[in-house]
Amino acid sequence: MASLLIGGLVINGGPARAVGLHASHTQAPRAAADMPTTWHVIAGFSQLLPSNTGNTEAVNQFYPRTLTIFAGDRVTWTINTQNEVHTVTFAPDPVLRHLEDPQVQIAAKMLGGKQQLVVNPAVFFPSAQGPLVESDSGAAKTLLNCGAIGPNGSPNPQSCTITFPNVGTYAYDCLLHSGIPGSPDMDGVIKVMARPAASTHRWTVWAGTGNAVDANDGFWPPHLTIHAGDTVTWKSGGVLFHTVSFGIDPRKTPLFVPAGTGPQGPILAVNPRVAFPIMPKGGSYRGGVASSGIVALGGNYVNLPGQRFLKAVFSLTFAKPGTYTYYCLVHAPLMTGTITVLPAGQ
């Protein structure tokens, strides 16, 4: 049998039942959205400063009073008062107003031949056993109650957590400090929004800027944080050759390599690992080697007939979380950048 401490008196009570007022909240929550969050609300304030003055002023209000969360998130109310008991109660407004009536909350009854003050379990005890879930959609249509929590240091529960799986606007109040004529209610609202679907984004990094005589051989931004599924496109902002090369050590990758011997001696060619693209399947990068090559990333005067000016781009979609370092093999090791990939939805 449950018990409750109110004003120094221990009052026994059974399961939370109020005839005609309570509908069972035993429905299991629907599957919560990815990455649910627990939010926190303070229930009440006590003024204990300065110390040793005997000042026990209480501020009976929730903070924050209005909280916006995503479907599947949880909210925990924690008592923050030394001298007050509070409830966290969701229900249609007529039900709340009825349960705010002190004569409904505690009534004198004859039990065992003796008159006793009996508490209404619908007010002072949780409305369901186990984890509490607001299973109504849109707004509170039935009673969902944490029961009494606090005060600090008492044997009563000090907090209460409710899961909100459905979209809606849910009004609640403390039944013990609301409905008092001439006084504001101790109340709050939980607004539940649909969790946005995971989305992908496209990002742009500039590879070099400037002109032939005043060039900035760097990536901008040099360090980029994205999410798995996002796509990064590198564009040349200048007129010089650049590469975007992952998984290739520039210290071991010469720009020119021997390609044979001619009448005047050795013939040098641009290292194929520098010159030509190395693309992952489908453009989806999960680590390892990937490179634009200087052919894929233009934006420079290419040594072709007519000195044609190219503005090619290079794109990768990052499928796996991690931090990836890349270089321009033409201007390494100083021309370098990183892509940090977080899990999707984080």
C-alpha atoms as a PDB file:
ATOM      1  CA  MET A   1       0.000   0.000   0.000  1.00  0.00           C
ATOM      2  CA  ALA A   2       1.367   3.401  -0.965  1.00  0.00           C
ATOM      3  CA  SER A   3       1.841   6.172   1.593  1.00  0.00           C
ATOM      4  CA  LEU A   4       2.215   9.928   1.369  1.00  0.00           C
ATOM      5  CA  LEU A   5       3.730  12.523   3.668  1.00  0.00           C
ATOM      6  CA  ILE A   6       1.702  15.745   3.869  1.00  0.00           C
ATOM      7  CA  GLY A   7       2.379  18.326   6.540  1.00  0.00           C
ATOM      8  CA  GLY A   8       4.139  15.783   8.733  1.00  0.00           C
ATOM      9  CA  LEU A   9       1.278  13.255   8.526  1.00  0.00           C
ATOM     10  CA  VAL A  10       1.666   9.909   6.790  1.00  0.00           C
ATOM     11  CA  ILE A  11      -1.512   9.121   4.872  1.00  0.00           C
ATOM     12  CA  ASN A  12      -2.082   5.704   3.373  1.00  0.00           C
ATOM     13  CA  GLY A  13      -3.756   5.240   0.023  1.00  0.00           C
ATOM     14  CA  GLY A  14      -4.328   2.645  -2.646  1.00  0.00           C
ATOM     15  CA  PRO A  15      -3.895   2.787  -6.416  1.00  0.00           C
ATOM     16  CA  ALA A  16      -4.842   6.037  -8.066  1.00  0.00           C
ATOM     17  CA  ARG A  17      -8.576   5.857  -8.794  1.00  0.00           C
ATOM     18  CA  ALA A  18     -11.234   8.521  -9.012  1.00  0.00           C
ATOM     19  CA  VAL A  19     -14.638   7.335 -10.154  1.00  0.00           C
ATOM     20  CA  GLY A  20     -15.703   9.052 -13.375  1.00  0.00           C
ATOM     21  CA  LEU A  21     -12.455  11.013 -13.627  1.00  0.00           C
ATOM     22  CA  HIS A  22      -9.686   8.587 -14.398  1.00  0.00           C
ATOM     23  CA  ALA A  23      -9.021   6.653 -17.582  1.00  0.00           C
ATOM     24  CA  SER A  24      -6.230   4.097 -17.448  1.00  0.00           C
ATOM     25  CA  HIS A  25      -2.910   5.108 -19.036  1.00  0.00           C
ATOM     26  CA  THR A  26      -1.555   1.651 -19.628  1.00  0.00           C
ATOM     27  CA  GLN A  27      -1.203   2.000 -23.407  1.00  0.00           C
ATOM     28  CA  ALA A  28       2.385   1.397 -24.440  1.00  0.00           C
ATOM     29  CA  PRO A  29       4.017   4.303 -26.217  1.00  0.00           C
ATOM     30  CA  ARG A  30       4.538   4.087 -29.919  1.00  0.00           C
ATOM     31  CA  ALA A  31       8.094   3.713 -31.091  1.00  0.00           C
ATOM     32  CA  ALA A  32       9.978   6.820 -30.078  1.00  0.00           C
ATOM     33  CA  ALA A  33      11.786   8.905 -32.642  1.00  0.00           C
ATOM     34  CA  ASP A  34      15.505   8.477 -33.085  1.00  0.00           C
ATOM     35  CA  MET A  35      17.724   9.952 -30.405  1.00  0.00           C
ATOM     36  CA  PRO A  36      15.117  10.947 -27.794  1.00  0.00           C
ATOM     37  CA  THR A  37      16.127  13.652 -25.334  1.00  0.00           C
ATOM     38  CA  THR A  38      15.257  14.073 -21.663  1.00  0.00           C
ATOM     39  CA  TRP A  39      14.299  17.670 -20.804  1.00  0.00           C
ATOM     40  CA  HIS A  40      14.113  19.098 -17.296  1.00  0.00           C
ATOM     41  CA  VAL A  41      11.568  21.312 -15.566  1.00  0.00           C
ATOM     42  CA  ILE A  42      11.935  22.696 -12.036  1.00  0.00           C
ATOM     43  CA  ALA A  43       8.870  22.391  -9.811  1.00  0.00           C
ATOM     44  CA  GLY A  44       8.743  25.267  -7.342  1.00  0.00           C
ATOM     45  CA  PHE A  45      11.377  27.492  -5.742  1.00  0.00           C
ATOM     46  CA  SER A  46      12.287  28.086  -2.122  1.00  0.00           C
ATOM     47  CA  GLN A  47      13.839  31.314  -0.889  1.00  0.00           C
ATOM     48  CA  LEU A  48      16.421  30.278   1.697  1.00  0.00           C
ATOM     49  CA  LEU A  49      18.831  33.199   1.346  1.00  0.00           C
ATOM     50  CA  PRO A  50      20.291  34.828   3.285  1.00  0.00           C
ATOM     51  CA  SER A  51      20.919  31.839   5.520  1.00  0.00           C
ATOM     52  CA  ASN A  52      19.897  31.595   9.174  1.00  0.00           C
ATOM     53  CA  THR A  53      17.092  34.112   8.790  1.00  0.00           C
ATOM     54  CA  GLY A  54      14.210  31.672   8.958  1.00  0.00           C
ATOM     55  CA  ASN A  55      12.931  32.930   5.601  1.00  0.00           C
ATOM     56  CA  THR A  56      10.975  30.058   4.039  1.00  0.00           C
ATOM     57  CA  GLU A  57       9.224  31.935   1.244  1.00  0.00           C
ATOM     58  CA  ALA A  58       8.122  29.616  -1.565  1.00  0.00           C
ATOM     59  CA  VAL A  59       7.531  30.493  -5.214  1.00  0.00           C
ATOM     60  CA  ASN A  60       5.004  28.029  -6.569  1.00  0.00           C
ATOM     61  CA  GLN A  61       5.605  27.853 -10.314  1.00  0.00           C
ATOM     62  CA  PHE A  62       7.191  25.614 -12.941  1.00  0.00           C
ATOM     63  CA  TYR A  63      10.287  26.667 -14.821  1.00  0.00           C
ATOM     64  CA  PRO A  64      10.249  26.769 -17.744  1.00  0.00           C
ATOM     65  CA  ARG A  65       6.467  27.073 -17.914  1.00  0.00           C
ATOM     66  CA  THR A  66       6.391  26.377 -21.655  1.00  0.00           C
ATOM     67  CA  LEU A  67       8.690  23.744 -23.098  1.00  0.00           C
ATOM     68  CA  THR A  68       8.889  22.628 -26.741  1.00  0.00           C
ATOM     69  CA  ILE A  69      10.175  19.127 -27.412  1.00  0.00           C
ATOM     70  CA  PHE A  70      10.128  16.484 -30.151  1.00  0.00           C
ATOM     71  CA  ALA A  71       7.857  13.454 -30.241  1.00  0.00           C
ATOM     72  CA  GLY A  72       9.501  10.613 -28.342  1.00  0.00           C
ATOM     73  CA  ASP A  73      11.284  12.908 -25.888  1.00  0.00           C
ATOM     74  CA  ARG A  74      10.897  12.714 -22.116  1.00  0.00           C
ATOM     75  CA  VAL A  75      10.391  15.454 -19.541  1.00  0.00           C
ATOM     76  CA  THR A  76      11.535  15.149 -15.933  1.00  0.00           C
ATOM     77  CA  TRP A  77      10.046  17.428 -13.270  1.00  0.00           C
ATOM     78  CA  THR A  78      12.257  17.800 -10.187  1.00  0.00           C
ATOM     79  CA  ILE A  79      11.151  19.302  -6.889  1.00  0.00           C
ATOM     80  CA  ASN A  80      13.067  22.425  -5.926  1.00  0.00           C
ATOM     81  CA  THR A  81      11.398  23.510  -2.710  1.00  0.00           C
ATOM     82  CA  GLN A  82      11.998  22.846   0.960  1.00  0.00           C
ATOM     83  CA  ASN A  83       8.466  23.389   2.169  1.00  0.00           C
ATOM     84  CA  GLU A  84       5.921  22.562  -0.540  1.00  0.00           C
ATOM     85  CA  VAL A  85       4.371  19.499  -2.174  1.00  0.00           C
ATOM     86  CA  HIS A  86       3.491  19.714  -5.872  1.00  0.00           C
ATOM     87  CA  THR A  87       1.741  17.602  -8.470  1.00  0.00           C
ATOM     88  CA  VAL A  88       2.312  17.418 -12.217  1.00  0.00           C
ATOM     89  CA  THR A  89      -1.130  16.691 -13.647  1.00  0.00           C
ATOM     90  CA  PHE A  90      -2.339  16.528 -17.255  1.00  0.00           C
ATOM     91  CA  ALA A  91      -6.078  16.382 -17.989  1.00  0.00           C
ATOM     92  CA  PRO A  92      -8.838  18.285 -19.804  1.00  0.00           C
ATOM     93  CA  ASP A  93      -9.465  21.637 -18.136  1.00  0.00           C
ATOM     94  CA  PRO A  94     -12.812  20.627 -16.510  1.00  0.00           C
ATOM     95  CA  VAL A  95     -11.108  17.647 -14.877  1.00  0.00           C
ATOM     96  CA  LEU A  96      -8.238  19.802 -13.636  1.00  0.00           C
ATOM     97  CA  ARG A  97     -10.668  22.360 -12.172  1.00  0.00           C
ATOM     98  CA  HIS A  98     -12.591  19.620 -10.419  1.00  0.00           C
ATOM     99  CA  LEU A  99      -9.464  18.079  -8.880  1.00  0.00           C
ATOM    100  CA  GLU A 100      -8.197  21.507  -7.752  1.00  0.00           C
ATOM    101  CA  ASP A 101     -11.120  21.733  -5.314  1.00  0.00           C
ATOM    102  CA  PRO A 102      -9.763  21.130  -1.777  1.00  0.00           C
ATOM    103  CA  GLN A 103     -12.989  19.316  -0.864  1.00  0.00           C
ATOM    104  CA  VAL A 104     -12.314  16.884  -3.700  1.00  0.00           C
ATOM    105  CA  GLN A 105      -8.668  16.474  -2.729  1.00  0.00           C
ATOM    106  CA  ILE A 106      -9.199  15.601   0.925  1.00  0.00           C
ATOM    107  CA  ALA A 107     -12.539  14.629   2.481  1.00  0.00           C
ATOM    108  CA  ALA A 108     -13.676  13.606   5.956  1.00  0.00           C
ATOM    109  CA  LYS A 109     -14.973  10.048   6.033  1.00  0.00           C
ATOM    110  CA  MET A 110     -15.946   7.513   8.687  1.00  0.00           C
ATOM    111  CA  LEU A 111     -13.582   4.581   8.540  1.00  0.00           C
ATOM    112  CA  GLY A 112     -13.705   1.830  11.166  1.00  0.00           C
ATOM    113  CA  GLY A 113     -16.006   3.894  13.294  1.00  0.00           C
ATOM    114  CA  LYS A 114     -13.630   6.866  13.292  1.00  0.00           C
ATOM    115  CA  GLN A 115     -13.672  10.043  11.306  1.00  0.00           C
ATOM    116  CA  GLN A 116     -10.544  10.411   9.175  1.00  0.00           C
ATOM    117  CA  LEU A 117      -9.272  12.733   6.481  1.00  0.00           C
ATOM    118  CA  VAL A 118      -8.951  10.645   3.328  1.00  0.00           C
ATOM    119  CA  VAL A 119      -6.969  11.803   0.302  1.00  0.00           C
ATOM    120  CA  ASN A 120      -8.210  11.416  -3.248  1.00  0.00           C
ATOM    121  CA  PRO A 121      -5.688   9.045  -4.865  1.00  0.00           C
ATOM    122  CA  ALA A 122      -6.376  10.654  -8.261  1.00  0.00           C
ATOM    123  CA  VAL A 123      -4.728  13.797  -6.858  1.00  0.00           C
ATOM    124  CA  PHE A 124      -1.918  12.492  -4.681  1.00  0.00           C
ATOM    125  CA  PHE A 125      -0.824   9.234  -6.331  1.00  0.00           C
ATOM    126  CA  PRO A 126       0.478   8.393  -9.824  1.00  0.00           C
ATOM    127  CA  SER A 127      -2.252   7.616 -12.316  1.00  0.00           C
ATOM    128  CA  ALA A 128      -0.514   4.446 -13.511  1.00  0.00           C
ATOM    129  CA  GLN A 129       2.047   1.999 -12.267  1.00  0.00           C
ATOM    130  CA  GLY A 130       5.407   1.976 -13.987  1.00  0.00           C
ATOM    131  CA  PRO A 131       6.701   4.573 -16.472  1.00  0.00           C
ATOM    132  CA  LEU A 132       4.249   7.348 -17.265  1.00  0.00           C
ATOM    133  CA  VAL A 133       3.403   8.013 -20.914  1.00  0.00           C
ATOM    134  CA  GLU A 134       1.179  10.742 -22.337  1.00  0.00           C
ATOM    135  CA  SER A 135      -0.570   8.461 -24.820  1.00  0.00           C
ATOM    136  CA  ASP A 136      -3.197  11.037 -25.862  1.00  0.00           C
ATOM    137  CA  SER A 137      -2.686  12.760 -29.206  1.00  0.00           C
ATOM    138  CA  GLY A 138      -3.092  16.483 -29.790  1.00  0.00           C
ATOM    139  CA  ALA A 139      -3.947  17.396 -26.201  1.00  0.00           C
ATOM    140  CA  ALA A 140      -4.607  15.804 -22.843  1.00  0.00           C
ATOM    141  CA  LYS A 141      -7.958  14.001 -23.063  1.00  0.00           C
ATOM    142  CA  THR A 142      -7.619  11.788 -19.998  1.00  0.00           C
ATOM    143  CA  LEU A 143      -5.963  12.094 -16.612  1.00  0.00           C
ATOM    144  CA  LEU A 144      -2.205  11.599 -16.402  1.00  0.00           C
ATOM    145  CA  ASN A 145      -0.746  12.446 -13.026  1.00  0.00           C
ATOM    146  CA  CYS A 146       2.666  12.136 -11.414  1.00  0.00           C
ATOM    147  CA  GLY A 147       1.058  12.385  -8.005  1.00  0.00           C
ATOM    148  CA  ALA A 148       2.697  14.334  -5.223  1.00  0.00           C
ATOM    149  CA  ILE A 149       6.427  15.072  -5.389  1.00  0.00           C
ATOM    150  CA  GLY A 150       8.469  16.745  -2.680  1.00  0.00           C
ATOM    151  CA  PRO A 151       9.295  18.580  -0.577  1.00  0.00           C
ATOM    152  CA  ASN A 152      13.079  18.244  -0.640  1.00  0.00           C
ATOM    153  CA  GLY A 153      14.353  15.735   1.844  1.00  0.00           C
ATOM    154  CA  SER A 154      10.999  14.039   2.428  1.00  0.00           C
ATOM    155  CA  PRO A 155      10.392  10.337   1.739  1.00  0.00           C
ATOM    156  CA  ASN A 156       8.036  11.352  -1.080  1.00  0.00           C
ATOM    157  CA  PRO A 157       9.254  11.072  -4.694  1.00  0.00           C
ATOM    158  CA  GLN A 158      11.524  13.962  -5.657  1.00  0.00           C
ATOM    159  CA  SER A 159      10.939  13.826  -9.394  1.00  0.00           C
ATOM    160  CA  CYS A 160       8.668  12.462 -12.091  1.00  0.00           C
ATOM    161  CA  THR A 161       9.336  11.598 -15.739  1.00  0.00           C
ATOM    162  CA  ILE A 162       6.777  11.424 -18.559  1.00  0.00           C
ATOM    163  CA  THR A 163       7.360  10.328 -22.152  1.00  0.00           C
ATOM    164  CA  PHE A 164       5.550  12.186 -24.953  1.00  0.00           C
ATOM    165  CA  PRO A 165       5.330   9.989 -28.080  1.00  0.00           C
ATOM    166  CA  ASN A 166       2.646  12.015 -29.866  1.00  0.00           C
ATOM    167  CA  VAL A 167       2.463  15.486 -31.382  1.00  0.00           C
ATOM    168  CA  GLY A 168       0.281  17.969 -29.526  1.00  0.00           C
ATOM    169  CA  THR A 169       0.004  20.742 -26.949  1.00  0.00           C
ATOM    170  CA  TYR A 170      -0.388  19.424 -23.419  1.00  0.00           C
ATOM    171  CA  ALA A 171      -1.437  21.726 -20.569  1.00  0.00           C
ATOM    172  CA  TYR A 172      -0.833  20.719 -16.971  1.00  0.00           C
ATOM    173  CA  ASP A 173      -0.874  22.179 -13.497  1.00  0.00           C
ATOM    174  CA  CYS A 174      -0.113  21.547  -9.876  1.00  0.00           C
ATOM    175  CA  LEU A 175      -3.480  20.618  -8.392  1.00  0.00           C
ATOM    176  CA  LEU A 176      -2.434  21.891  -4.961  1.00  0.00           C
ATOM    177  CA  HIS A 177      -1.547  25.410  -6.120  1.00  0.00           C
ATOM    178  CA  SER A 178      -4.068  26.129  -8.884  1.00  0.00           C
ATOM    179  CA  GLY A 179      -7.729  27.105  -9.018  1.00  0.00           C
ATOM    180  CA  ILE A 180      -7.368  29.470  -6.062  1.00  0.00           C
ATOM    181  CA  PRO A 181      -9.597  32.545  -6.568  1.00  0.00           C
ATOM    182  CA  GLY A 182      -7.572  35.694  -7.110  1.00  0.00           C
ATOM    183  CA  SER A 183      -4.270  33.838  -7.529  1.00  0.00           C
ATOM    184  CA  PRO A 184      -2.457  32.714 -10.680  1.00  0.00           C
ATOM    185  CA  ASP A 185      -2.245  29.013 -11.355  1.00  0.00           C
ATOM    186  CA  MET A 186       0.906  26.960 -11.009  1.00  0.00           C
ATOM    187  CA  ASP A 187       0.734  25.596 -14.518  1.00  0.00           C
ATOM    188  CA  GLY A 188       2.716  24.817 -17.648  1.00  0.00           C
ATOM    189  CA  VAL A 189       2.540  23.614 -21.240  1.00  0.00           C
ATOM    190  CA  ILE A 190       4.484  20.934 -23.091  1.00  0.00           C
ATOM    191  CA  LYS A 191       4.461  21.484 -26.860  1.00  0.00           C
ATOM    192  CA  VAL A 192       5.419  18.360 -28.798  1.00  0.00           C
ATOM    193  CA  MET A 193       6.567  18.756 -32.411  1.00  0.00           C
ATOM    194  CA  ALA A 194       7.165  16.064 -35.005  1.00  0.00           C
ATOM    195  CA  ARG A 195      10.813  15.127 -35.081  1.00  0.00           C
ATOM    196  CA  PRO A 196      12.241  16.297 -38.404  1.00  0.00           C
ATOM    197  CA  ALA A 197      13.310  13.520 -40.708  1.00  0.00           C
ATOM    198  CA  ALA A 198      17.021  13.100 -41.162  1.00  0.00           C
ATOM    199  CA  SER A 199      18.064  15.274 -44.057  1.00  0.00           C
ATOM    200  CA  THR A 200      21.198  15.544 -46.086  1.00  0.00           C
ATOM    201  CA  HIS A 201      22.978  18.720 -46.996  1.00  0.00           C
ATOM    202  CA  ARG A 202      25.406  19.901 -49.605  1.00  0.00           C
ATOM    203  CA  TRP A 203      28.507  21.814 -48.635  1.00  0.00           C
ATOM    204  CA  THR A 204      31.065  23.734 -50.690  1.00  0.00           C
ATOM    205  CA  VAL A 205      34.810  24.018 -50.066  1.00  0.00           C
ATOM    206  CA  TRP A 206      36.950  26.316 -52.158  1.00  0.00           C
ATOM    207  CA  ALA A 207      40.264  24.933 -53.366  1.00  0.00           C
ATOM    208  CA  GLY A 208      42.581  27.900 -53.688  1.00  0.00           C
ATOM    209  CA  THR A 209      41.725  31.500 -54.413  1.00  0.00           C
ATOM    210  CA  GLY A 210      43.399  34.432 -56.081  1.00  0.00           C
ATOM    211  CA  ASN A 211      45.196  34.742 -59.396  1.00  0.00           C
ATOM    212  CA  ALA A 212      48.405  33.623 -61.006  1.00  0.00           C
ATOM    213  CA  VAL A 213      50.585  36.171 -59.165  1.00  0.00           C
ATOM    214  CA  ASP A 214      48.666  36.456 -55.887  1.00  0.00           C
ATOM    215  CA  ALA A 215      47.385  33.001 -54.992  1.00  0.00           C
ATOM    216  CA  ASN A 216      46.153  31.548 -51.729  1.00  0.00           C
ATOM    217  CA  ASP A 217      46.979  27.862 -51.906  1.00  0.00           C
ATOM    218  CA  GLY A 218      44.622  26.583 -49.220  1.00  0.00           C
ATOM    219  CA  PHE A 219      41.164  25.085 -48.714  1.00  0.00           C
ATOM    220  CA  TRP A 220      38.349  27.202 -47.352  1.00  0.00           C
ATOM    221  CA  PRO A 221      37.001  26.312 -44.911  1.00  0.00           C
ATOM    222  CA  PRO A 222      40.012  24.180 -44.003  1.00  0.00           C
ATOM    223  CA  HIS A 223      38.023  22.177 -41.451  1.00  0.00           C
ATOM    224  CA  LEU A 224      34.394  21.245 -42.060  1.00  0.00           C
ATOM    225  CA  THR A 225      32.002  19.284 -39.809  1.00  0.00           C
ATOM    226  CA  ILE A 226      29.077  17.553 -41.513  1.00  0.00           C
ATOM    227  CA  HIS A 227      26.778  14.563 -40.994  1.00  0.00           C
ATOM    228  CA  ALA A 228      26.760  11.140 -42.583  1.00  0.00           C
ATOM    229  CA  GLY A 229      24.928  11.334 -45.895  1.00  0.00           C
ATOM    230  CA  ASP A 230      26.021  14.899 -46.613  1.00  0.00           C
ATOM    231  CA  THR A 231      27.823  15.806 -49.831  1.00  0.00           C
ATOM    232  CA  VAL A 232      30.852  18.085 -50.119  1.00  0.00           C
ATOM    233  CA  THR A 233      31.761  19.757 -53.404  1.00  0.00           C
ATOM    234  CA  TRP A 234      35.181  21.313 -53.956  1.00  0.00           C
ATOM    235  CA  LYS A 235      35.476  24.170 -56.423  1.00  0.00           C
ATOM    236  CA  SER A 236      38.591  25.876 -57.625  1.00  0.00           C
ATOM    237  CA  GLY A 237      38.573  29.557 -56.761  1.00  0.00           C
ATOM    238  CA  GLY A 238      41.760  30.441 -58.549  1.00  0.00           C
ATOM    239  CA  VAL A 239      43.711  29.696 -61.704  1.00  0.00           C
ATOM    240  CA  LEU A 240      46.171  27.080 -60.402  1.00  0.00           C
ATOM    241  CA  PHE A 241      46.165  23.307 -60.425  1.00  0.00           C
ATOM    242  CA  HIS A 242      44.859  21.622 -57.282  1.00  0.00           C
ATOM    243  CA  THR A 243      43.759  18.180 -56.182  1.00  0.00           C
ATOM    244  CA  VAL A 244      41.512  16.950 -53.379  1.00  0.00           C
ATOM    245  CA  SER A 245      43.131  13.702 -52.327  1.00  0.00           C
ATOM    246  CA  PHE A 246      42.174  11.404 -49.443  1.00  0.00           C
ATOM    247  CA  GLY A 247      44.254   8.418 -48.351  1.00  0.00           C
ATOM    248  CA  ILE A 248      47.324   9.385 -50.421  1.00  0.00           C
ATOM    249  CA  ASP A 249      50.535  10.318 -48.592  1.00  0.00           C
ATOM    250  CA  PRO A 250      51.908  13.416 -50.384  1.00  0.00           C
ATOM    251  CA  ARG A 251      55.401  12.698 -49.023  1.00  0.00           C
ATOM    252  CA  LYS A 252      55.435   9.447 -50.997  1.00  0.00           C
ATOM    253  CA  THR A 253      53.684  10.775 -54.104  1.00  0.00           C
ATOM    254  CA  PRO A 254      55.994  12.763 -56.392  1.00  0.00           C
ATOM    255  CA  LEU A 255      54.371  15.186 -58.760  1.00  0.00           C
ATOM    256  CA  PHE A 256      56.408  13.910 -61.738  1.00  0.00           C
ATOM    257  CA  VAL A 257      57.556  10.371 -62.530  1.00  0.00           C
ATOM    258  CA  PRO A 258      59.833   8.991 -65.286  1.00  0.00           C
ATOM    259  CA  ALA A 259      57.932   7.975 -68.388  1.00  0.00           C
ATOM    260  CA  GLY A 260      60.796   6.814 -70.590  1.00  0.00           C
ATOM    261  CA  THR A 261      63.829   8.213 -72.358  1.00  0.00           C
ATOM    262  CA  GLY A 262      63.901  10.569 -75.301  1.00  0.00           C
ATOM    263  CA  PRO A 263      66.622  12.082 -77.526  1.00  0.00           C
ATOM    264  CA  GLN A 264      67.417  14.656 -74.891  1.00  0.00           C
ATOM    265  CA  GLY A 265      67.229  12.369 -71.890  1.00  0.00           C
ATOM    266  CA  PRO A 266      64.543  11.204 -69.440  1.00  0.00           C
ATOM    267  CA  ILE A 267      60.938  11.969 -70.163  1.00  0.00           C
ATOM    268  CA  LEU A 268      58.882  13.057 -67.160  1.00  0.00           C
ATOM    269  CA  ALA A 269      55.113  12.810 -66.882  1.00  0.00           C
ATOM    270  CA  VAL A 270      52.647  13.904 -64.250  1.00  0.00           C
ATOM    271  CA  ASN A 271      52.237  11.065 -61.764  1.00  0.00           C
ATOM    272  CA  PRO A 272      48.975   9.299 -62.738  1.00  0.00           C
ATOM    273  CA  ARG A 273      48.053   9.203 -59.035  1.00  0.00           C
ATOM    274  CA  VAL A 274      48.172  12.999 -59.086  1.00  0.00           C
ATOM    275  CA  ALA A 275      46.704  13.549 -62.516  1.00  0.00           C
ATOM    276  CA  PHE A 276      43.657  11.299 -62.683  1.00  0.00           C
ATOM    277  CA  PRO A 277      40.556  10.832 -60.508  1.00  0.00           C
ATOM    278  CA  ILE A 278      40.202   7.901 -58.124  1.00  0.00           C
ATOM    279  CA  MET A 279      36.528   7.689 -57.278  1.00  0.00           C
ATOM    280  CA  PRO A 280      34.743   5.423 -54.791  1.00  0.00           C
ATOM    281  CA  LYS A 281      31.760   3.487 -56.085  1.00  0.00           C
ATOM    282  CA  GLY A 282      28.805   5.781 -56.547  1.00  0.00           C
ATOM    283  CA  GLY A 283      30.797   8.692 -55.175  1.00  0.00           C
ATOM    284  CA  SER A 284      30.123   7.431 -51.628  1.00  0.00           C
ATOM    285  CA  TYR A 285      33.214   7.760 -49.457  1.00  0.00           C
ATOM    286  CA  ARG A 286      33.711   5.476 -46.431  1.00  0.00           C
ATOM    287  CA  GLY A 287      37.437   5.914 -45.984  1.00  0.00           C
ATOM    288  CA  GLY A 288      40.508   4.915 -47.968  1.00  0.00           C
ATOM    289  CA  VAL A 289      41.658   6.462 -51.215  1.00  0.00           C
ATOM    290  CA  ALA A 290      39.652   9.004 -53.179  1.00  0.00           C
ATOM    291  CA  SER A 291      41.072  11.808 -55.293  1.00  0.00           C
ATOM    292  CA  SER A 292      39.942  14.412 -57.749  1.00  0.00           C
ATOM    293  CA  GLY A 293      43.213  14.442 -59.630  1.00  0.00           C
ATOM    294  CA  ILE A 294      44.148  17.624 -61.426  1.00  0.00           C
ATOM    295  CA  VAL A 295      42.005  16.551 -64.367  1.00  0.00           C
ATOM    296  CA  ALA A 296      38.785  16.401 -62.348  1.00  0.00           C
ATOM    297  CA  LEU A 297      39.378  19.592 -60.382  1.00  0.00           C
ATOM    298  CA  GLY A 298      39.993  22.338 -62.907  1.00  0.00           C
ATOM    299  CA  GLY A 299      39.644  26.050 -62.611  1.00  0.00           C
ATOM    300  CA  ASN A 300      43.032  26.659 -64.113  1.00  0.00           C
ATOM    301  CA  TYR A 301      44.723  27.132 -67.462  1.00  0.00           C
ATOM    302  CA  VAL A 302      45.032  23.584 -68.672  1.00  0.00           C
ATOM    303  CA  ASN A 303      47.856  22.928 -71.116  1.00  0.00           C
ATOM    304  CA  LEU A 304      45.585  21.968 -73.958  1.00  0.00           C
ATOM    305  CA  PRO A 305      45.257  23.430 -77.459  1.00  0.00           C
ATOM    306  CA  GLY A 306      43.852  26.924 -77.176  1.00  0.00           C
ATOM    307  CA  GLN A 307      44.685  27.187 -73.430  1.00  0.00           C
ATOM    308  CA  ARG A 308      41.050  26.437 -72.557  1.00  0.00           C
ATOM    309  CA  PHE A 309      39.880  27.638 -69.131  1.00  0.00           C
ATOM    310  CA  LEU A 310      38.139  24.910 -67.096  1.00  0.00           C
ATOM    311  CA  LYS A 311      35.856  25.171 -64.059  1.00  0.00           C
ATOM    312  CA  ALA A 312      35.293  21.568 -63.066  1.00  0.00           C
ATOM    313  CA  VAL A 313      34.108  20.519 -59.607  1.00  0.00           C
ATOM    314  CA  PHE A 314      34.677  17.433 -57.457  1.00  0.00           C
ATOM    315  CA  SER A 315      32.088  15.956 -55.084  1.00  0.00           C
ATOM    316  CA  LEU A 316      32.009  13.169 -52.483  1.00  0.00           C
ATOM    317  CA  THR A 317      29.165  11.930 -50.330  1.00  0.00           C
ATOM    318  CA  PHE A 318      30.395  10.899 -46.875  1.00  0.00           C
ATOM    319  CA  ALA A 319      28.687   7.737 -45.671  1.00  0.00           C
ATOM    320  CA  LYS A 320      30.676   6.848 -42.552  1.00  0.00           C
ATOM    321  CA  PRO A 321      31.323   8.932 -39.407  1.00  0.00           C
ATOM    322  CA  GLY A 322      34.940   9.817 -38.771  1.00  0.00           C
ATOM    323  CA  THR A 323      37.557  12.482 -39.376  1.00  0.00           C
ATOM    324  CA  TYR A 324      39.206  12.459 -42.793  1.00  0.00           C
ATOM    325  CA  THR A 325      42.312  14.408 -43.801  1.00  0.00           C
ATOM    326  CA  TYR A 326      42.983  15.347 -47.390  1.00  0.00           C
ATOM    327  CA  TYR A 327      45.677  17.180 -49.343  1.00  0.00           C
ATOM    328  CA  CYS A 328      46.297  19.011 -52.549  1.00  0.00           C
ATOM    329  CA  LEU A 329      49.052  16.807 -53.999  1.00  0.00           C
ATOM    330  CA  VAL A 330      50.383  19.766 -55.973  1.00  0.00           C
ATOM    331  CA  HIS A 331      50.811  22.053 -52.958  1.00  0.00           C
ATOM    332  CA  ALA A 332      51.192  19.605 -50.066  1.00  0.00           C
ATOM    333  CA  PRO A 333      51.921  19.424 -47.225  1.00  0.00           C
ATOM    334  CA  LEU A 334      50.704  22.939 -46.406  1.00  0.00           C
ATOM    335  CA  MET A 335      47.544  22.783 -48.508  1.00  0.00           C
ATOM    336  CA  THR A 336      45.480  20.395 -46.386  1.00  0.00           C
ATOM    337  CA  GLY A 337      41.999  20.118 -44.890  1.00  0.00           C
ATOM    338  CA  THR A 338      39.788  17.857 -42.809  1.00  0.00           C
ATOM    339  CA  ILE A 339      36.198  16.657 -43.033  1.00  0.00           C
ATOM    340  CA  THR A 340      34.676  15.537 -39.734  1.00  0.00           C
ATOM    341  CA  VAL A 341      31.573  13.392 -40.258  1.00  0.00           C
ATOM    342  CA  LEU A 342      29.081  13.022 -37.388  1.00  0.00           C
ATOM    343  CA  PRO A 343      26.374  10.341 -37.257  1.00  0.00           C
ATOM    344  CA  ALA A 344      23.240  11.291 -39.159  1.00  0.00           C
ATOM    345  CA  GLY A 345      20.748  13.113 -36.961  1.00  0.00           C
ATOM    346  CA  GLN A 346      23.238  13.959 -34.232  1.00  0.00           C
END
